[in-house]
Amino acid sequence: MLPVSVKSFAKINLGLLITSKRSDGYHTLETVFAPIDWYDTLEFSSSDTLSMCCTDSALPVDENNLCMRAAKALQESAGCSSGVSITLDKRIPFGAGLGGGSSDAATVLGMLNEFWNVRASLADLHALAVRLGADVPYFLEMTGLAFAKGIGDELEDLSLKLPFHIVTVFPEEHISTVWAYKHFYPRFERTPPDLKQLVRAFCLEGERSCLGAFENDFEPAVFDHYPRVKKVKQELLDSGSFFASLSGSGSAVFGFFDNREDADGALMKMQQQRFRTSMTAPNFSMER
């Protein structure tokens, strides 16, 4: 195998409604995943053994890394003894709610299924992806907007794209998913809105009166404990964003903009504060 480089994109959540807590401790949710143009790069090279290195020294490169766990899971399920050397150029911040680790794991599953000639079905890969993390199936199977429910693994392709400029900001606060689920304020008694219908009206008809329904249930607790994150959201709105929200369990915040000039201005303002940022063009979808 010649060295092959692949981009591994991040996501944001348009609405994230936590609907219940299961008996096994997991929470159920409803959300809409959307891809953004912020990515890690994974390089795969031939090797007799399974190994990994990463440009971010803060991340492990052993079995505690989702990439290594994905490779080993595929090895074990397929009874495969092939090796690979993985190099991860890490650009998506971790602890950001952008799904970077999940995206990397999905890329590993998809690429090694091909390179090792495993020929596992999508259903088999999905089963492995769910074991690795709730967001992994989205990155494995989708390229655009998708509705998710269950623990995030039950997916429906919406065949939609967001026709707006998206500015995504990492406020340099690392928030673990475990912390977020421990501290969010439950509202299990409410009847959740129909996110699928609302996102179709938003994307296809330009209906913006529905945007108030796209709440993120992690946002109140995160804002209470991390005021810098709340400030970033307000600054995006002050810079011309017509909708801004926390992504996932945070701490990344994104804003939608009608025109590139306002988006560029917001981006520059955030970069002046030395926050890591990305700009996503209208109608973006992940490459395959």
Protein backbone atom coordinates (compact mmCIF):
# COMPACT_ATOMS: atom_id res chain seq x y z
CA MET A 1 0.00 0.00 0.00
CA LEU A 2 1.39 3.38 -1.00
CA PRO A 3 0.87 6.16 1.55
CA VAL A 4 -2.69 7.45 1.11
CA SER A 5 -4.00 10.65 2.75
CA VAL A 6 -7.67 11.15 3.55
CA LYS A 7 -9.54 14.11 5.01
CA SER A 8 -11.71 13.43 8.06
CA PHE A 9 -14.32 16.18 8.54
CA ALA A 10 -16.05 17.55 11.64
CA LYS A 11 -19.77 18.09 12.28
CA ILE A 12 -22.05 20.48 14.10
CA ASN A 13 -25.46 19.78 15.64
CA LEU A 14 -28.46 21.76 14.50
CA GLY A 15 -30.56 21.20 17.60
CA LEU A 16 -29.75 18.60 20.23
CA LEU A 17 -32.67 17.43 22.36
CA ILE A 18 -31.98 14.91 25.13
CA THR A 19 -35.23 12.99 25.40
CA SER A 20 -34.72 10.33 28.11
CA LYS A 21 -32.28 8.28 30.15
CA ARG A 22 -32.22 4.54 29.53
CA SER A 23 -31.87 1.85 32.16
CA ASP A 24 -28.30 1.18 30.99
CA GLY A 25 -27.31 4.77 31.77
CA TYR A 26 -27.21 6.01 28.18
CA HIS A 27 -29.32 8.99 27.14
CA THR A 28 -31.52 9.10 24.05
CA LEU A 29 -31.54 12.19 21.88
CA GLU A 30 -32.77 13.77 18.69
CA THR A 31 -30.50 15.96 16.59
CA VAL A 32 -29.55 16.99 13.08
CA PHE A 33 -25.93 16.44 12.12
CA ALA A 34 -24.36 18.78 9.55
CA PRO A 35 -20.80 18.56 8.15
CA ILE A 36 -18.40 21.50 8.31
CA ASP A 37 -15.17 22.25 6.49
CA TRP A 38 -12.83 21.57 9.40
CA TYR A 39 -10.82 18.38 9.11
CA ASP A 40 -8.05 16.15 10.34
CA THR A 41 -5.84 14.34 7.82
CA LEU A 42 -5.12 10.64 8.15
CA GLU A 43 -2.29 8.98 6.25
CA PHE A 44 -2.19 5.21 5.85
CA SER A 45 1.02 3.35 4.99
CA SER A 46 1.92 -0.32 4.64
CA SER A 47 3.26 -2.00 7.74
CA ASP A 48 3.54 -5.48 9.21
CA THR A 49 2.22 -4.21 12.52
CA LEU A 50 -0.48 -1.83 13.72
CA SER A 51 0.95 1.53 14.79
CA MET A 52 0.03 5.20 14.97
CA CYS A 53 1.58 8.61 15.44
CA CYS A 54 -0.10 11.99 15.89
CA THR A 55 0.90 15.63 15.45
CA ASP A 56 -0.83 16.50 18.75
CA SER A 57 1.27 15.14 21.61
CA ALA A 58 -1.67 15.57 24.01
CA LEU A 59 -3.50 12.68 22.36
CA PRO A 60 -2.66 9.00 23.03
CA VAL A 61 -1.55 6.78 20.16
CA ASP A 62 -2.23 3.44 21.87
CA GLU A 63 -5.48 1.52 22.37
CA ASN A 64 -6.94 4.62 24.08
CA ASN A 65 -7.10 6.36 20.69
CA LEU A 66 -10.29 5.78 18.72
CA CYS A 67 -8.32 5.26 15.51
CA MET A 68 -6.39 2.37 17.03
CA ARG A 69 -9.56 0.96 18.58
CA ALA A 70 -11.28 1.12 15.18
CA ALA A 71 -8.40 -0.67 13.44
CA LYS A 72 -8.27 -3.39 16.11
CA ALA A 73 -12.04 -3.84 16.06
CA LEU A 74 -11.96 -4.42 12.30
CA GLN A 75 -9.00 -6.78 12.64
CA GLU A 76 -10.77 -8.88 15.25
CA SER A 77 -14.14 -8.98 13.51
CA ALA A 78 -12.56 -10.02 10.21
CA GLY A 79 -9.92 -12.35 11.64
CA CYS A 80 -7.38 -10.22 9.82
CA SER A 81 -3.66 -10.14 10.66
CA SER A 82 -2.69 -7.25 8.36
CA GLY A 83 -0.99 -4.19 9.79
CA VAL A 84 -0.95 -0.49 8.94
CA SER A 85 0.88 2.63 9.98
CA ILE A 86 -1.48 5.56 10.66
CA THR A 87 -0.37 9.19 10.89
CA LEU A 88 -2.95 11.62 12.23
CA ASP A 89 -2.51 15.32 11.50
CA LYS A 90 -4.86 16.60 14.19
CA ARG A 91 -6.60 19.91 13.39
CA ILE A 92 -10.12 19.47 14.80
CA PRO A 93 -9.98 20.45 18.49
CA PHE A 94 -10.88 17.72 20.96
CA GLY A 95 -13.36 18.41 23.75
CA ALA A 96 -15.17 20.68 21.29
CA GLY A 97 -18.37 18.80 20.41
CA LEU A 98 -17.29 18.60 16.77
CA GLY A 99 -16.92 14.81 16.57
CA GLY A 100 -13.29 14.83 15.49
CA GLY A 101 -12.37 11.56 17.18
CA SER A 102 -15.51 9.87 15.87
CA SER A 103 -14.81 11.11 12.36
CA ASP A 104 -11.25 9.78 12.50
CA ALA A 105 -12.48 6.38 13.70
CA ALA A 106 -15.03 6.19 10.87
CA THR A 107 -12.33 7.04 8.34
CA VAL A 108 -10.12 4.27 9.69
CA LEU A 109 -12.95 1.73 9.43
CA GLY A 110 -13.80 2.70 5.87
CA MET A 111 -10.24 2.90 4.57
CA LEU A 112 -8.96 -0.29 6.20
CA ASN A 113 -12.02 -2.22 5.06
CA GLU A 114 -10.80 -1.44 1.55
CA PHE A 115 -7.03 -1.67 2.03
CA TRP A 116 -7.14 -4.92 3.95
CA ASN A 117 -9.68 -6.30 1.45
CA VAL A 118 -11.99 -7.20 4.34
CA ARG A 119 -15.13 -6.48 2.31
CA ALA A 120 -17.29 -6.06 5.39
CA SER A 121 -20.83 -4.90 4.61
CA LEU A 122 -22.04 -1.46 5.65
CA ALA A 123 -24.23 -3.16 8.26
CA ASP A 124 -21.19 -4.92 9.72
CA LEU A 125 -19.20 -1.68 9.76
CA HIS A 126 -22.16 0.11 11.37
CA ALA A 127 -22.17 -2.44 14.20
CA LEU A 128 -18.47 -1.80 14.80
CA ALA A 129 -19.01 1.97 14.59
CA VAL A 130 -21.74 1.96 17.26
CA ARG A 131 -19.41 0.15 19.66
CA LEU A 132 -16.76 2.82 19.12
CA GLY A 133 -19.01 5.85 19.71
CA ALA A 134 -22.49 7.19 19.05
CA ASP A 135 -21.33 9.72 16.43
CA VAL A 136 -19.15 7.28 14.44
CA PRO A 137 -21.98 5.87 12.25
CA TYR A 138 -22.80 9.35 10.96
CA PHE A 139 -19.29 9.91 9.64
CA LEU A 140 -19.16 6.39 8.23
CA GLU A 141 -22.43 6.56 6.31
CA MET A 142 -23.44 10.17 5.57
CA THR A 143 -22.06 13.13 3.62
CA GLY A 144 -24.66 15.84 4.33
CA LEU A 145 -27.41 16.59 6.81
CA ALA A 146 -28.81 13.64 8.74
CA PHE A 147 -31.44 13.25 11.43
CA ALA A 148 -30.30 11.10 14.35
CA LYS A 149 -32.15 9.55 17.26
CA GLY A 150 -31.57 6.78 19.79
CA ILE A 151 -28.11 7.41 21.22
CA GLY A 152 -27.28 9.16 17.94
CA ASP A 153 -26.75 5.97 15.95
CA GLU A 154 -30.18 5.70 14.30
CA LEU A 155 -29.72 7.81 11.17
CA GLU A 156 -31.84 9.15 8.35
CA ASP A 157 -30.26 10.89 5.38
CA LEU A 158 -32.14 14.16 4.84
CA SER A 159 -30.63 14.83 1.39
CA LEU A 160 -30.18 18.47 2.40
CA LYS A 161 -27.35 21.00 2.61
CA LEU A 162 -27.12 24.23 4.58
CA PRO A 163 -27.21 27.15 2.10
CA PHE A 164 -25.38 29.57 4.40
CA HIS A 165 -21.85 30.52 5.43
CA ILE A 166 -20.96 28.82 8.70
CA VAL A 167 -18.34 30.18 11.11
CA THR A 168 -17.28 27.68 13.78
CA VAL A 169 -15.23 28.79 16.79
CA PHE A 170 -13.38 26.81 19.45
CA PRO A 171 -13.21 29.01 22.59
CA GLU A 172 -10.21 27.06 23.94
CA GLU A 173 -12.28 25.27 26.56
CA HIS A 174 -12.15 21.45 26.57
CA ILE A 175 -15.46 19.95 27.73
CA SER A 176 -15.83 16.19 28.11
CA THR A 177 -19.04 14.50 27.04
CA VAL A 178 -19.13 12.76 30.42
CA TRP A 179 -19.10 16.15 32.19
CA ALA A 180 -21.84 17.50 29.91
CA TYR A 181 -24.20 14.59 30.53
CA LYS A 182 -23.58 14.84 34.26
CA HIS A 183 -24.39 18.55 34.44
CA PHE A 184 -27.09 19.28 31.83
CA TYR A 185 -30.56 20.30 33.01
CA PRO A 186 -33.05 17.53 32.02
CA ARG A 187 -36.35 18.35 30.35
CA PHE A 188 -37.61 14.86 29.65
CA GLU A 189 -41.26 15.85 30.15
CA ARG A 190 -41.52 18.04 27.04
CA THR A 191 -42.75 16.91 23.63
CA PRO A 192 -39.81 17.47 21.24
CA PRO A 193 -40.45 19.40 18.03
CA ASP A 194 -40.25 17.66 14.65
CA LEU A 195 -36.66 18.53 13.76
CA LYS A 196 -36.85 16.79 10.39
CA GLN A 197 -39.81 18.86 9.23
CA LEU A 198 -38.36 22.07 10.62
CA VAL A 199 -34.92 21.64 9.04
CA ARG A 200 -36.55 20.98 5.66
CA ALA A 201 -38.54 24.21 5.98
CA PHE A 202 -35.37 26.03 7.00
CA CYS A 203 -33.15 24.73 4.19
CA LEU A 204 -35.65 24.51 1.34
CA GLU A 205 -38.06 27.36 2.05
CA GLY A 206 -35.87 29.76 4.03
CA GLU A 207 -38.25 29.58 6.98
CA ARG A 208 -36.47 31.12 9.98
CA SER A 209 -39.29 31.37 12.47
CA CYS A 210 -38.57 27.72 13.32
CA LEU A 211 -35.00 28.36 14.48
CA GLY A 212 -36.02 28.76 18.10
CA ALA A 213 -36.89 25.06 18.14
CA PHE A 214 -33.28 24.10 17.42
CA GLU A 215 -32.18 24.18 21.03
CA ASN A 216 -29.10 22.45 22.40
CA ASP A 217 -29.91 20.96 25.79
CA PHE A 218 -26.26 21.12 26.85
CA GLU A 219 -26.09 24.86 26.27
CA PRO A 220 -27.58 26.24 29.55
CA ALA A 221 -25.26 24.23 31.81
CA VAL A 222 -22.21 24.84 29.61
CA PHE A 223 -22.89 28.59 29.57
CA ASP A 224 -23.34 28.61 33.36
CA HIS A 225 -19.97 26.91 33.92
CA TYR A 226 -18.03 28.32 30.95
CA PRO A 227 -18.93 32.01 30.47
CA ARG A 228 -16.33 32.41 27.72
CA VAL A 229 -18.36 30.02 25.54
CA LYS A 230 -21.51 32.05 26.10
CA LYS A 231 -19.61 35.20 25.18
CA VAL A 232 -18.48 33.70 21.87
CA LYS A 233 -22.07 32.91 20.92
CA GLN A 234 -23.13 36.48 21.65
CA GLU A 235 -20.21 37.87 19.66
CA LEU A 236 -21.23 35.79 16.64
CA LEU A 237 -24.77 37.17 16.88
CA ASP A 238 -23.43 40.71 17.29
CA SER A 239 -21.30 40.18 14.16
CA GLY A 240 -24.32 39.46 11.98
CA SER A 241 -25.10 35.79 12.54
CA PHE A 242 -28.85 35.14 12.27
CA PHE A 243 -28.51 31.92 14.29
CA ALA A 244 -25.79 30.69 16.63
CA SER A 245 -25.55 27.67 18.90
CA LEU A 246 -23.33 25.36 20.86
CA SER A 247 -22.31 22.24 18.93
CA GLY A 248 -22.73 18.88 20.62
CA SER A 249 -21.59 19.01 24.23
CA GLY A 250 -19.30 21.94 23.43
CA SER A 251 -17.30 23.98 23.66
CA ALA A 252 -17.37 24.86 19.96
CA VAL A 253 -19.97 27.41 18.86
CA PHE A 254 -21.15 28.03 15.30
CA GLY A 255 -23.01 30.83 13.56
CA PHE A 256 -24.94 31.02 10.28
CA PHE A 257 -24.40 34.05 8.04
CA ASP A 258 -26.24 35.23 4.94
CA ASN A 259 -23.25 36.93 3.36
CA ARG A 260 -19.53 36.29 3.20
CA GLU A 261 -18.57 39.78 4.33
CA ASP A 262 -20.22 39.39 7.74
CA ALA A 263 -18.84 35.87 8.09
CA ASP A 264 -15.31 37.07 7.30
CA GLY A 265 -15.68 39.86 9.85
CA ALA A 266 -16.78 37.43 12.56
CA LEU A 267 -13.95 35.08 11.67
CA MET A 268 -11.38 37.84 11.96
CA LYS A 269 -12.79 38.99 15.31
CA MET A 270 -12.49 35.46 16.71
CA GLN A 271 -9.01 34.94 15.33
CA GLN A 272 -7.88 38.18 16.95
CA GLN A 273 -8.80 36.55 20.26
CA ARG A 274 -6.60 33.60 19.23
CA PHE A 275 -9.49 31.20 19.01
CA ARG A 276 -9.24 28.39 16.46
CA THR A 277 -11.86 28.81 13.75
CA SER A 278 -13.19 27.45 10.49
CA MET A 279 -15.24 28.81 7.62
CA THR A 280 -17.68 26.53 5.78
CA ALA A 281 -19.07 27.60 2.42
CA PRO A 282 -22.78 27.28 1.59
CA ASN A 283 -23.99 23.82 0.48
CA PHE A 284 -20.94 22.01 1.85
CA SER A 285 -20.84 18.21 1.97
CA MET A 286 -18.10 15.81 3.04
CA GLU A 287 -15.86 14.35 0.36
CA ARG A 288 -15.67 10.61 -0.05
